[in-house]
Protein backbone atom coordinates (compact mmCIF):
# COMPACT_ATOMS: atom_id res chain seq x y z
CA MET A 1 -129.74 -43.28 -51.59
CA ASP A 2 -129.78 -47.03 -51.07
CA GLU A 3 -126.51 -48.41 -49.65
CA ALA A 4 -126.42 -51.20 -52.23
CA VAL A 5 -126.61 -48.65 -55.02
CA GLN A 6 -123.87 -46.54 -53.46
CA SER A 7 -121.68 -49.61 -53.03
CA ALA A 8 -122.15 -50.64 -56.67
CA ALA A 9 -121.31 -47.13 -57.84
CA ALA A 10 -118.15 -47.08 -55.74
CA LYS A 11 -117.03 -50.45 -57.14
CA LEU A 12 -117.56 -49.29 -60.72
CA VAL A 13 -115.66 -46.07 -60.06
CA ARG A 14 -112.74 -48.03 -58.61
CA ARG A 15 -112.51 -49.94 -61.88
CA LEU A 16 -112.51 -46.69 -63.84
CA LYS A 17 -109.86 -45.05 -61.68
CA LYS A 18 -107.63 -48.12 -61.76
CA GLY A 19 -107.36 -47.98 -65.54
CA ASN A 20 -107.65 -44.19 -65.82
CA TYR A 21 -110.91 -44.57 -67.76
CA THR A 22 -113.81 -42.15 -68.11
CA ILE A 23 -117.57 -42.68 -68.20
CA THR A 24 -120.66 -40.99 -69.61
CA VAL A 25 -124.35 -41.81 -69.12
CA ALA A 26 -127.61 -41.29 -70.98
CA GLU A 27 -130.90 -41.70 -69.15
CA SER A 28 -134.57 -41.67 -69.90
CA CYS A 29 -136.82 -43.09 -67.20
CA THR A 30 -134.33 -42.53 -64.35
CA GLY A 31 -134.23 -38.77 -65.03
CA GLY A 32 -130.57 -38.24 -64.11
CA LEU A 33 -130.51 -40.48 -61.05
CA LEU A 34 -127.59 -42.54 -62.40
CA ALA A 35 -125.53 -39.42 -63.09
CA SER A 36 -126.36 -38.08 -59.64
CA THR A 37 -125.36 -41.37 -58.02
CA LEU A 38 -122.00 -41.39 -59.75
CA THR A 39 -121.21 -37.73 -59.18
CA ASP A 40 -122.01 -38.07 -55.49
CA ILE A 41 -118.60 -39.73 -55.29
CA ALA A 42 -115.78 -37.28 -54.59
CA GLY A 43 -113.36 -36.60 -57.43
CA ALA A 44 -115.94 -37.32 -60.14
CA SER A 45 -114.51 -34.59 -62.37
CA THR A 46 -111.51 -36.83 -63.17
CA TRP A 47 -113.53 -39.75 -64.55
CA PHE A 48 -117.08 -38.49 -65.26
CA LYS A 49 -117.42 -36.80 -68.65
CA GLN A 50 -121.05 -35.69 -69.04
CA SER A 51 -124.61 -36.98 -69.14
CA TRP A 52 -127.90 -36.67 -70.98
CA VAL A 53 -131.51 -36.97 -69.83
CA THR A 54 -133.44 -37.67 -73.02
CA TYR A 55 -136.95 -38.32 -71.85
CA ALA A 56 -138.74 -37.59 -75.12
CA ASN A 57 -138.13 -39.62 -78.25
CA GLU A 58 -137.23 -36.55 -80.27
CA ALA A 59 -134.54 -35.77 -77.68
CA LYS A 60 -133.11 -39.26 -78.11
CA VAL A 61 -132.90 -38.68 -81.85
CA ARG A 62 -131.57 -35.13 -81.65
CA GLU A 63 -129.14 -35.46 -78.76
CA LEU A 64 -127.94 -39.06 -79.05
CA GLY A 65 -128.51 -40.00 -82.67
CA VAL A 66 -131.03 -42.73 -81.94
CA SER A 67 -132.65 -43.77 -85.21
CA GLU A 68 -136.31 -43.00 -85.76
CA GLU A 69 -136.66 -46.43 -87.33
CA ALA A 70 -135.57 -48.11 -84.10
CA LEU A 71 -138.05 -46.05 -82.10
CA GLU A 72 -140.88 -46.85 -84.51
CA LYS A 73 -140.19 -50.56 -84.84
CA LYS A 74 -138.93 -51.45 -81.37
CA GLY A 75 -140.14 -48.60 -79.18
CA ALA A 76 -138.15 -46.43 -76.82
CA VAL A 77 -137.95 -49.23 -74.27
CA SER A 78 -135.93 -51.75 -76.24
CA ALA A 79 -132.47 -53.25 -76.54
CA ARG A 80 -131.74 -51.48 -79.80
CA VAL A 81 -132.59 -48.05 -78.48
CA ALA A 82 -130.63 -48.68 -75.27
CA ILE A 83 -127.52 -49.57 -77.28
CA GLN A 84 -127.95 -46.60 -79.61
CA MET A 85 -128.32 -44.28 -76.65
CA ALA A 86 -125.10 -45.62 -75.13
CA GLN A 87 -123.21 -45.43 -78.42
CA GLY A 88 -124.44 -41.90 -79.06
CA ALA A 89 -123.33 -40.75 -75.62
CA LEU A 90 -119.97 -42.45 -76.06
CA GLN A 91 -119.30 -40.79 -79.41
CA ARG A 92 -120.39 -37.35 -78.30
CA SER A 93 -118.51 -37.37 -75.00
CA GLY A 94 -115.29 -39.13 -75.95
CA ALA A 95 -115.54 -41.27 -72.83
CA ASP A 96 -114.25 -44.85 -72.53
CA LEU A 97 -117.50 -46.31 -71.22
CA ALA A 98 -121.15 -45.34 -71.63
CA ILE A 99 -124.25 -46.52 -69.80
CA ALA A 100 -127.78 -45.84 -71.02
CA ILE A 101 -131.09 -46.57 -69.29
CA THR A 102 -134.52 -46.75 -70.87
CA GLY A 103 -137.52 -48.30 -69.16
CA ILE A 104 -140.95 -47.87 -67.63
CA ALA A 105 -140.78 -46.72 -64.02
CA GLY A 106 -144.57 -46.48 -63.55
CA PRO A 107 -147.08 -46.19 -62.18
CA GLY A 108 -148.51 -46.27 -65.72
CA ASN A 109 -147.01 -47.58 -68.92
CA ASP A 110 -148.04 -44.68 -71.16
CA SER A 111 -150.33 -46.86 -73.28
CA THR A 112 -147.51 -49.17 -74.41
CA THR A 113 -147.84 -52.95 -74.33
CA LYS A 114 -144.76 -53.26 -72.10
CA ASP A 115 -145.10 -53.85 -68.39
CA VAL A 116 -144.26 -51.38 -65.67
CA GLY A 117 -140.87 -52.16 -64.15
CA ILE A 118 -139.20 -53.31 -67.35
CA VAL A 119 -135.83 -51.71 -68.15
CA TYR A 120 -133.13 -52.04 -70.79
CA VAL A 121 -129.58 -50.97 -70.06
CA GLY A 122 -127.20 -50.24 -72.92
CA ILE A 123 -123.47 -50.42 -72.28
CA ALA A 124 -120.86 -49.45 -74.84
CA SER A 125 -117.14 -48.90 -75.31
CA ALA A 126 -115.13 -48.13 -78.40
CA THR A 127 -114.91 -51.82 -79.35
CA TRP A 128 -118.12 -53.43 -78.10
CA ALA A 129 -121.73 -52.72 -77.14
CA THR A 130 -124.39 -54.76 -75.42
CA SER A 131 -127.80 -54.51 -73.83
CA VAL A 132 -129.30 -56.27 -70.82
CA ARG A 133 -132.87 -56.41 -69.60
CA THR A 134 -134.67 -56.99 -66.36
CA GLN A 135 -138.02 -56.31 -64.72
CA ILE A 136 -138.52 -54.92 -61.25
CA GLY A 137 -141.73 -54.91 -59.26
CA GLY A 138 -142.17 -51.78 -57.16
CA ASN A 139 -143.46 -48.26 -57.10
CA ARG A 140 -141.96 -45.49 -59.20
CA GLU A 141 -139.22 -44.55 -56.75
CA GLU A 142 -138.30 -48.17 -56.08
CA ASN A 143 -138.15 -48.93 -59.77
CA LYS A 144 -135.93 -45.97 -60.53
CA ASN A 145 -133.51 -46.96 -57.78
CA GLY A 146 -133.64 -50.56 -58.95
CA PHE A 147 -132.95 -49.53 -62.52
CA VAL A 148 -129.85 -47.60 -61.47
CA HIS A 149 -128.62 -50.48 -59.33
CA PHE A 150 -129.15 -52.93 -62.17
CA ALA A 151 -127.36 -50.60 -64.59
CA LEU A 152 -124.32 -50.30 -62.32
CA LEU A 153 -124.09 -54.06 -61.74
CA SER A 154 -124.56 -54.77 -65.45
CA ALA A 155 -121.89 -52.26 -66.41
CA MET A 156 -119.41 -53.86 -64.02
CA ARG A 157 -120.19 -57.33 -65.31
CA SER A 158 -119.86 -56.27 -68.94
CA TRP A 159 -116.69 -54.30 -68.24
CA ASP A 160 -115.08 -57.22 -66.40
CA ASP A 161 -116.02 -59.60 -69.21
CA ALA A 162 -114.53 -57.20 -71.75
CA MET A 163 -111.32 -56.91 -69.76
CA VAL A 164 -111.04 -60.70 -69.61
CA ARG A 165 -111.62 -60.95 -73.36
CA THR A 166 -109.03 -58.27 -73.99
CA ARG A 167 -106.48 -60.06 -71.81
CA GLU A 168 -107.22 -63.41 -73.44
CA GLU A 169 -106.96 -61.89 -76.92
CA ALA A 170 -103.63 -60.28 -75.99
CA GLU A 171 -102.34 -63.58 -74.63
CA GLU A 172 -103.48 -65.40 -77.76
CA ALA A 173 -101.83 -62.81 -79.99
CA HIS A 174 -98.60 -63.16 -78.01
CA ARG A 175 -98.75 -66.95 -78.24
CA MET A 176 -99.25 -66.79 -82.00
CA PHE A 177 -96.33 -64.37 -82.32
CA ILE A 178 -94.05 -66.71 -80.36
CA GLU A 179 -95.14 -69.68 -82.47
CA GLU A 180 -94.56 -67.73 -85.71
CA GLU A 181 -91.09 -66.66 -84.58
CA ALA A 182 -90.27 -70.27 -83.64
CA ARG A 183 -91.49 -71.43 -87.03
CA LYS A 184 -89.31 -68.85 -88.82
CA GLN A 185 -86.26 -69.84 -86.79
CA ALA A 186 -86.87 -73.51 -87.47
CA LEU A 187 -87.20 -72.80 -91.20
CA GLU A 188 -84.00 -70.75 -91.23
CA ALA A 189 -82.17 -73.51 -89.37
CA GLU A 190 -83.45 -76.10 -91.84
CA ILE A 191 -82.29 -74.01 -94.81
CA GLU A 192 -78.89 -73.49 -93.22
CA ALA A 193 -78.56 -77.21 -92.52
CA ARG A 194 -79.40 -78.06 -96.12
CA GLU A 195 -76.83 -75.58 -97.42
CA MET A 196 -74.15 -77.02 -95.15
CA ALA A 197 -75.01 -80.56 -96.21
CA ALA A 198 -74.83 -79.60 -99.87
CA HIS A 199 -71.45 -77.96 -99.33
CA GLU A 200 -70.08 -81.04 -97.60
CA ARG A 201 -71.20 -83.26 -100.47
CA ALA A 202 -69.56 -81.11 -103.13
CA PRO A 203 -66.86 -78.86 -101.63
CA TRP A 204 -65.14 -78.51 -105.01
CA GLN A 205 -67.89 -76.22 -106.25
CA ASP A 206 -66.56 -73.29 -104.25
CA GLU A 207 -63.18 -73.55 -105.97
CA ALA A 208 -64.26 -74.90 -109.35
CA TRP A 209 -63.55 -71.72 -111.26
CA GLU A 210 -60.70 -70.26 -109.26
CA ASP A 211 -57.95 -71.66 -111.62
CA SER A 212 -59.76 -70.96 -114.86
CA THR A 213 -57.60 -69.28 -117.44
CA PRO A 214 -58.71 -65.71 -118.16
CA GLU A 215 -60.22 -65.17 -121.51
CA GLU A 216 -57.34 -62.93 -122.64
CA ASP A 217 -54.79 -65.68 -121.92
CA LEU A 218 -56.38 -68.42 -123.98
CA GLY A 219 -53.60 -68.08 -126.55
CA LEU A 220 -55.82 -67.17 -129.44
CA SER A 221 -54.16 -65.05 -132.06
CA GLU A 222 -55.82 -62.31 -133.92
CA ASP A 223 -53.46 -62.96 -136.90
CA ILE A 224 -55.27 -65.81 -138.48
CA ALA A 225 -54.49 -66.67 -142.08
CA TRP A 226 -57.45 -67.71 -144.04
CA SER A 227 -56.87 -69.63 -147.23
CA GLU A 228 -59.05 -68.78 -150.10
CA GLY A 229 -60.74 -71.71 -151.67
CA GLU A 230 -60.25 -72.38 -155.33
CA GLU A 231 -62.93 -71.29 -157.66
């Protein structure tokens, strides 16, 4: 295994272990090479969920839920299929991160119009999904290794970007909370100040009715003589 590929795998695994995250993978053209690269690292059972090798289109549909429409319109080697493969693996495994690879390793392109060496990598989590593309020029073995390396680097880049976005969103939410609390306190202080000012202008209102004579002491008599008017 290429040292650069091993190094990239180790870096990705360190990210997973740091946050206690898990990963799953779905592969087509690489035939399980990505899963093998990751599970070559000791302790993989704590962060590696499971993997799929869905070489045939019907396997992508059956095992990962890739839509037949996407396969017909875009082809197996496409951004849409790569994302659907990753999302399908994520949902079925319950992992935190999924990587999917679909491409053309060569030496032929199986009668498609796409060039040998082209690859799409789908990356997905519970809250986001993306796809990246590149093209590598080499023989079949070189392309497969290159695809895996590209997938690992892309996953790290996407994961880091997502972590930054999550941190920024959390900081923004906290800032908005602080501003809202400050606004509420300022409003309460303003209301209190107005009430105090109103009290100072008319302090008699608090005692206005304290000396009022109770209704039963108004001195009204029930014995009222009514004079009858003359006819």
